[in-house]
Amino acid sequence: MCFYFKQSKDATTLKKRFKAKYSDDNISPIGNFNGFSHPKISVITNQIPDEIQQYNWGLIPHWAKDINIRKYTLNARIETLKEKPSFRSNINKRCLIIADSFNEWKWLDPKGKEKEKYEIKLSNEELFAFAGLWSNWTSKETGEMINTCTIITTEANELMSEIHNIKKRMPVIIKNEFDWLMGDDLQLNNDELIAEKI
């Protein structure tokens, strides 16, 4: 799972790293993001691959009656993308979700009353991208259009199995970012991760 991540690099660094411009010069991309507050986060979509945009975390499919579904769509399991109605209609709407680390908690007892918090990042501490899906949803009441996204998760690798030791899941970190964005299969970058207890 992935519900908390950080993006601490400045706009110039993001633009250089992803060879993209910002859709709005007033956007501040820096922050510690908690998915349960459905923040705006920096994404690059396959629709506009040379632009960094801000999408709300928590995918709202176009057919949803209201926004309440987003609390269940912060993450999308890669194994069931084509089966779950929330994600099936957005399977070809791929995006990169920009980050430089994410947090996970290791359970020290069976009920999770005692936990250790870890920050997970690439060994070189550089920016990376989670694999994601995006959607546009329009409110029937107000006509407002909301751009939303979800982070794709997969089975935990060896490192993450030790940390996320109950559900053994982790976000998909992409190696071939723009190839995947344009329709190629995923190549994972999950083996270059390190973890620090914080």
C-alpha atoms as a PDB file:
ATOM      1  CA  MET A   1       0.000   0.000   0.000  1.00  0.00           C
ATOM      2  CA  CYS A   2       1.050   3.618  -0.261  1.00  0.00           C
ATOM      3  CA  PHE A   3      -0.806   6.346   1.602  1.00  0.00           C
ATOM      4  CA  TYR A   4       2.013   8.742   2.531  1.00  0.00           C
ATOM      5  CA  PHE A   5       4.796  10.117   0.354  1.00  0.00           C
ATOM      6  CA  LYS A   6       7.090  13.111   0.039  1.00  0.00           C
ATOM      7  CA  GLN A   7       8.119  15.340  -2.847  1.00  0.00           C
ATOM      8  CA  SER A   8      10.790  17.759  -1.590  1.00  0.00           C
ATOM      9  CA  LYS A   9      12.531  18.929  -4.771  1.00  0.00           C
ATOM     10  CA  ASP A  10      11.971  22.364  -6.282  1.00  0.00           C
ATOM     11  CA  ALA A  11      10.120  23.052  -9.528  1.00  0.00           C
ATOM     12  CA  THR A  12      13.322  23.544 -11.531  1.00  0.00           C
ATOM     13  CA  THR A  13      14.596  20.115 -10.480  1.00  0.00           C
ATOM     14  CA  LEU A  14      11.291  18.461 -11.425  1.00  0.00           C
ATOM     15  CA  LYS A  15      11.179  20.163 -14.816  1.00  0.00           C
ATOM     16  CA  LYS A  16      14.768  19.134 -15.590  1.00  0.00           C
ATOM     17  CA  ARG A  17      14.356  15.549 -14.337  1.00  0.00           C
ATOM     18  CA  PHE A  18      11.141  14.853 -16.275  1.00  0.00           C
ATOM     19  CA  LYS A  19      11.794  17.175 -19.247  1.00  0.00           C
ATOM     20  CA  ALA A  20       8.421  18.825 -18.690  1.00  0.00           C
ATOM     21  CA  LYS A  21       6.978  22.238 -17.930  1.00  0.00           C
ATOM     22  CA  TYR A  22       4.455  23.225 -15.261  1.00  0.00           C
ATOM     23  CA  SER A  23       0.888  23.887 -16.313  1.00  0.00           C
ATOM     24  CA  ASP A  24       0.736  26.665 -13.688  1.00  0.00           C
ATOM     25  CA  ASP A  25       3.773  28.717 -12.615  1.00  0.00           C
ATOM     26  CA  ASN A  26       2.174  29.369  -9.216  1.00  0.00           C
ATOM     27  CA  ILE A  27       2.129  25.696  -8.238  1.00  0.00           C
ATOM     28  CA  SER A  28       4.338  24.664  -5.329  1.00  0.00           C
ATOM     29  CA  PRO A  29       5.239  20.989  -5.783  1.00  0.00           C
ATOM     30  CA  ILE A  30       6.844  20.518  -2.353  1.00  0.00           C
ATOM     31  CA  GLY A  31       5.139  18.636   0.473  1.00  0.00           C
ATOM     32  CA  ASN A  32       4.515  15.595   2.634  1.00  0.00           C
ATOM     33  CA  PHE A  33       1.327  14.118   1.259  1.00  0.00           C
ATOM     34  CA  ASN A  34      -1.297  12.167   3.200  1.00  0.00           C
ATOM     35  CA  GLY A  35      -3.627  10.366   0.797  1.00  0.00           C
ATOM     36  CA  PHE A  36      -6.544  10.481   3.202  1.00  0.00           C
ATOM     37  CA  SER A  37      -6.729  14.285   2.835  1.00  0.00           C
ATOM     38  CA  HIS A  38      -6.875  13.865  -0.990  1.00  0.00           C
ATOM     39  CA  PRO A  39      -4.203  16.503  -1.700  1.00  0.00           C
ATOM     40  CA  LYS A  40      -3.209  17.852  -5.080  1.00  0.00           C
ATOM     41  CA  ILE A  41      -0.013  16.115  -6.192  1.00  0.00           C
ATOM     42  CA  SER A  42       2.325  16.474  -9.167  1.00  0.00           C
ATOM     43  CA  VAL A  43       1.566  14.112 -12.054  1.00  0.00           C
ATOM     44  CA  ILE A  44       2.411  13.679 -15.716  1.00  0.00           C
ATOM     45  CA  THR A  45      -0.320  12.058 -17.811  1.00  0.00           C
ATOM     46  CA  ASN A  46      -0.112  10.171 -21.088  1.00  0.00           C
ATOM     47  CA  GLN A  47      -2.524  12.782 -22.463  1.00  0.00           C
ATOM     48  CA  ILE A  48      -0.010  15.654 -21.963  1.00  0.00           C
ATOM     49  CA  PRO A  49       3.387  13.949 -21.403  1.00  0.00           C
ATOM     50  CA  ASP A  50       5.451  17.150 -21.481  1.00  0.00           C
ATOM     51  CA  GLU A  51       3.518  18.924 -18.718  1.00  0.00           C
ATOM     52  CA  ILE A  52       3.494  18.544 -14.920  1.00  0.00           C
ATOM     53  CA  GLN A  53      -0.039  18.995 -13.611  1.00  0.00           C
ATOM     54  CA  GLN A  54      -1.759  18.863 -10.233  1.00  0.00           C
ATOM     55  CA  TYR A  55      -4.287  16.053  -9.664  1.00  0.00           C
ATOM     56  CA  ASN A  56      -6.165  15.120  -6.504  1.00  0.00           C
ATOM     57  CA  TRP A  57      -5.057  11.828  -4.960  1.00  0.00           C
ATOM     58  CA  GLY A  58      -7.946   9.353  -4.864  1.00  0.00           C
ATOM     59  CA  LEU A  59      -9.344   8.361  -8.244  1.00  0.00           C
ATOM     60  CA  ILE A  60     -12.977   9.231  -8.991  1.00  0.00           C
ATOM     61  CA  PRO A  61     -14.202   7.274 -12.034  1.00  0.00           C
ATOM     62  CA  HIS A  62     -16.281   9.263 -14.525  1.00  0.00           C
ATOM     63  CA  TRP A  63     -19.424   7.283 -13.618  1.00  0.00           C
ATOM     64  CA  ALA A  64     -19.254   7.960  -9.850  1.00  0.00           C
ATOM     65  CA  LYS A  65     -22.293   9.728  -8.356  1.00  0.00           C
ATOM     66  CA  ASP A  66     -20.175  11.679  -5.859  1.00  0.00           C
ATOM     67  CA  ILE A  67     -16.614  12.024  -4.556  1.00  0.00           C
ATOM     68  CA  ASN A  68     -16.969   9.554  -1.670  1.00  0.00           C
ATOM     69  CA  ILE A  69     -15.468   6.688  -3.672  1.00  0.00           C
ATOM     70  CA  ARG A  70     -12.026   8.329  -3.592  1.00  0.00           C
ATOM     71  CA  LYS A  71     -11.270   7.137  -0.055  1.00  0.00           C
ATOM     72  CA  TYR A  72     -11.210   3.591  -1.487  1.00  0.00           C
ATOM     73  CA  THR A  73      -9.160   4.425  -4.601  1.00  0.00           C
ATOM     74  CA  LEU A  74      -5.923   5.890  -3.248  1.00  0.00           C
ATOM     75  CA  ASN A  75      -4.228   2.685  -4.429  1.00  0.00           C
ATOM     76  CA  ALA A  76      -4.977   0.231  -7.225  1.00  0.00           C
ATOM     77  CA  ARG A  77      -3.698  -3.348  -7.073  1.00  0.00           C
ATOM     78  CA  ILE A  78      -1.878  -4.149 -10.314  1.00  0.00           C
ATOM     79  CA  GLU A  79      -3.232  -7.702 -10.246  1.00  0.00           C
ATOM     80  CA  THR A  80      -6.882  -6.567 -10.442  1.00  0.00           C
ATOM     81  CA  LEU A  81      -6.776  -3.381 -12.552  1.00  0.00           C
ATOM     82  CA  LYS A  82      -8.809  -4.966 -15.349  1.00  0.00           C
ATOM     83  CA  GLU A  83     -11.372  -6.431 -12.946  1.00  0.00           C
ATOM     84  CA  LYS A  84     -12.242  -3.571 -10.583  1.00  0.00           C
ATOM     85  CA  PRO A  85     -14.881  -1.210 -12.046  1.00  0.00           C
ATOM     86  CA  SER A  86     -13.169   1.825 -10.492  1.00  0.00           C
ATOM     87  CA  PHE A  87      -9.998   1.215 -12.499  1.00  0.00           C
ATOM     88  CA  ARG A  88     -11.124  -0.836 -15.495  1.00  0.00           C
ATOM     89  CA  SER A  89     -12.482   2.190 -17.374  1.00  0.00           C
ATOM     90  CA  ASN A  90      -9.234   4.098 -16.784  1.00  0.00           C
ATOM     91  CA  ILE A  91      -6.792   1.300 -17.619  1.00  0.00           C
ATOM     92  CA  ASN A  92      -5.349   3.262 -20.571  1.00  0.00           C
ATOM     93  CA  LYS A  93      -5.170   6.570 -18.708  1.00  0.00           C
ATOM     94  CA  ARG A  94      -1.653   6.224 -17.372  1.00  0.00           C
ATOM     95  CA  CYS A  95       0.270   8.737 -15.309  1.00  0.00           C
ATOM     96  CA  LEU A  96       3.511   9.277 -13.449  1.00  0.00           C
ATOM     97  CA  ILE A  97       3.168  10.440  -9.850  1.00  0.00           C
ATOM     98  CA  ILE A  98       6.322  12.314  -8.835  1.00  0.00           C
ATOM     99  CA  ALA A  99       7.982  11.612  -5.473  1.00  0.00           C
ATOM    100  CA  ASP A 100      11.333  11.259  -3.751  1.00  0.00           C
ATOM    101  CA  SER A 101      10.304   8.996  -0.858  1.00  0.00           C
ATOM    102  CA  PHE A 102       7.351   7.273   0.795  1.00  0.00           C
ATOM    103  CA  ASN A 103       6.553   6.116   4.321  1.00  0.00           C
ATOM    104  CA  GLU A 104       5.548   2.738   5.658  1.00  0.00           C
ATOM    105  CA  TRP A 105       5.145   1.300   9.144  1.00  0.00           C
ATOM    106  CA  LYS A 106       6.473  -2.051  10.336  1.00  0.00           C
ATOM    107  CA  TRP A 107       4.206  -3.826  12.805  1.00  0.00           C
ATOM    108  CA  LEU A 108       6.062  -5.026  15.912  1.00  0.00           C
ATOM    109  CA  ASP A 109       3.079  -6.948  17.301  1.00  0.00           C
ATOM    110  CA  PRO A 110       0.176  -8.874  15.686  1.00  0.00           C
ATOM    111  CA  LYS A 111      -2.384  -6.059  16.183  1.00  0.00           C
ATOM    112  CA  GLY A 112      -0.160  -3.183  15.064  1.00  0.00           C
ATOM    113  CA  LYS A 113      -0.260  -1.362  18.402  1.00  0.00           C
ATOM    114  CA  GLU A 114       3.515  -0.958  18.274  1.00  0.00           C
ATOM    115  CA  LYS A 115       5.016   0.210  14.991  1.00  0.00           C
ATOM    116  CA  GLU A 116       8.239   1.528  13.510  1.00  0.00           C
ATOM    117  CA  LYS A 117       8.070   4.211  10.838  1.00  0.00           C
ATOM    118  CA  TYR A 118      10.357   3.981   7.790  1.00  0.00           C
ATOM    119  CA  GLU A 119      11.187   6.331   4.960  1.00  0.00           C
ATOM    120  CA  ILE A 120      11.823   4.476   1.690  1.00  0.00           C
ATOM    121  CA  LYS A 121      13.707   6.099  -1.189  1.00  0.00           C
ATOM    122  CA  LEU A 122      16.106   5.365  -4.021  1.00  0.00           C
ATOM    123  CA  SER A 123      19.686   4.739  -2.957  1.00  0.00           C
ATOM    124  CA  ASN A 124      20.796   7.912  -4.783  1.00  0.00           C
ATOM    125  CA  GLU A 125      17.937   9.899  -3.168  1.00  0.00           C
ATOM    126  CA  GLU A 126      16.817  11.142  -6.589  1.00  0.00           C
ATOM    127  CA  LEU A 127      13.275  11.767  -7.796  1.00  0.00           C
ATOM    128  CA  PHE A 128      11.272   8.822  -9.092  1.00  0.00           C
ATOM    129  CA  ALA A 129       7.767   8.150 -10.369  1.00  0.00           C
ATOM    130  CA  PHE A 130       5.039   5.874  -9.088  1.00  0.00           C
ATOM    131  CA  ALA A 131       2.918   4.200 -11.749  1.00  0.00           C
ATOM    132  CA  GLY A 132      -0.573   5.645 -11.654  1.00  0.00           C
ATOM    133  CA  LEU A 133      -3.921   5.933 -13.383  1.00  0.00           C
ATOM    134  CA  TRP A 134      -5.900   9.158 -13.820  1.00  0.00           C
ATOM    135  CA  SER A 135      -9.490  10.206 -14.386  1.00  0.00           C
ATOM    136  CA  ASN A 136     -11.576  13.331 -14.998  1.00  0.00           C
ATOM    137  CA  TRP A 137     -14.819  13.541 -13.017  1.00  0.00           C
ATOM    138  CA  THR A 138     -17.513  16.194 -13.410  1.00  0.00           C
ATOM    139  CA  SER A 139     -19.905  17.039 -10.586  1.00  0.00           C
ATOM    140  CA  LYS A 140     -23.519  16.829 -11.730  1.00  0.00           C
ATOM    141  CA  GLU A 141     -24.466  19.416  -9.105  1.00  0.00           C
ATOM    142  CA  THR A 142     -21.894  22.139  -9.776  1.00  0.00           C
ATOM    143  CA  GLY A 143     -20.420  21.225 -13.172  1.00  0.00           C
ATOM    144  CA  GLU A 144     -16.927  21.377 -11.647  1.00  0.00           C
ATOM    145  CA  MET A 145     -14.391  19.017 -13.221  1.00  0.00           C
ATOM    146  CA  ILE A 146     -11.943  17.339 -10.844  1.00  0.00           C
ATOM    147  CA  ASN A 147      -8.768  15.631 -12.058  1.00  0.00           C
ATOM    148  CA  THR A 148      -7.884  12.628  -9.898  1.00  0.00           C
ATOM    149  CA  CYS A 149      -5.359   9.790  -9.747  1.00  0.00           C
ATOM    150  CA  THR A 150      -4.391   6.587  -7.972  1.00  0.00           C
ATOM    151  CA  ILE A 151      -1.054   4.890  -7.213  1.00  0.00           C
ATOM    152  CA  ILE A 152      -0.636   1.340  -8.534  1.00  0.00           C
ATOM    153  CA  THR A 153       0.677  -1.205  -6.011  1.00  0.00           C
ATOM    154  CA  THR A 154       2.259  -4.629  -6.354  1.00  0.00           C
ATOM    155  CA  GLU A 155       3.620  -7.448  -4.195  1.00  0.00           C
ATOM    156  CA  ALA A 156       6.379  -6.294  -1.877  1.00  0.00           C
ATOM    157  CA  ASN A 157       9.991  -6.996  -2.797  1.00  0.00           C
ATOM    158  CA  GLU A 158      12.395  -8.461  -0.217  1.00  0.00           C
ATOM    159  CA  LEU A 159      13.103  -5.132   1.475  1.00  0.00           C
ATOM    160  CA  MET A 160       9.471  -4.069   1.664  1.00  0.00           C
ATOM    161  CA  SER A 161       8.322  -7.503   2.863  1.00  0.00           C
ATOM    162  CA  GLU A 162      10.393  -6.881   6.002  1.00  0.00           C
ATOM    163  CA  ILE A 163       8.827  -3.457   6.558  1.00  0.00           C
ATOM    164  CA  HIS A 164       5.254  -3.823   5.290  1.00  0.00           C
ATOM    165  CA  ASN A 165       5.219  -7.153   7.080  1.00  0.00           C
ATOM    166  CA  ILE A 166       1.432  -7.694   7.292  1.00  0.00           C
ATOM    167  CA  LYS A 167      -0.048  -6.997   3.854  1.00  0.00           C
ATOM    168  CA  LYS A 168       3.312  -7.188   2.018  1.00  0.00           C
ATOM    169  CA  ARG A 169       2.465  -4.582  -0.631  1.00  0.00           C
ATOM    170  CA  MET A 170       4.356  -1.647  -2.112  1.00  0.00           C
ATOM    171  CA  PRO A 171       3.858   1.078  -4.716  1.00  0.00           C
ATOM    172  CA  VAL A 172       5.099   0.422  -8.250  1.00  0.00           C
ATOM    173  CA  ILE A 173       8.164   2.562  -8.951  1.00  0.00           C
ATOM    174  CA  ILE A 174       8.832   2.730 -12.680  1.00  0.00           C
ATOM    175  CA  LYS A 175      12.159   2.308 -14.423  1.00  0.00           C
ATOM    176  CA  ASN A 176      11.034   3.020 -18.005  1.00  0.00           C
ATOM    177  CA  GLU A 177       8.839   5.981 -17.111  1.00  0.00           C
ATOM    178  CA  PHE A 178       7.919   7.493 -20.454  1.00  0.00           C
ATOM    179  CA  ASP A 179       7.876   4.167 -22.299  1.00  0.00           C
ATOM    180  CA  TRP A 180       5.309   2.935 -19.787  1.00  0.00           C
ATOM    181  CA  LEU A 181       3.404   6.207 -20.015  1.00  0.00           C
ATOM    182  CA  MET A 182       3.081   5.727 -23.762  1.00  0.00           C
ATOM    183  CA  GLY A 183       1.751   2.157 -23.513  1.00  0.00           C
ATOM    184  CA  ASP A 184       4.667  -0.235 -22.945  1.00  0.00           C
ATOM    185  CA  ASP A 185       4.788  -2.839 -20.177  1.00  0.00           C
ATOM    186  CA  LEU A 186       6.023  -1.896 -16.722  1.00  0.00           C
ATOM    187  CA  GLN A 187       9.680  -2.254 -15.823  1.00  0.00           C
ATOM    188  CA  LEU A 188      10.059  -1.903 -12.073  1.00  0.00           C
ATOM    189  CA  ASN A 189      12.729   0.073 -10.269  1.00  0.00           C
ATOM    190  CA  ASN A 190      11.945  -1.455  -6.886  1.00  0.00           C
ATOM    191  CA  ASP A 191      15.334  -3.116  -6.337  1.00  0.00           C
ATOM    192  CA  GLU A 192      17.238   0.168  -5.891  1.00  0.00           C
ATOM    193  CA  LEU A 193      15.320   1.160  -2.759  1.00  0.00           C
ATOM    194  CA  ILE A 194      16.746   1.775   0.685  1.00  0.00           C
ATOM    195  CA  ALA A 195      14.875   2.242   3.952  1.00  0.00           C
ATOM    196  CA  GLU A 196      15.671   4.381   6.993  1.00  0.00           C
ATOM    197  CA  LYS A 197      13.889   4.146  10.331  1.00  0.00           C
ATOM    198  CA  ILE A 198      12.585   7.595  11.352  1.00  0.00           C
END
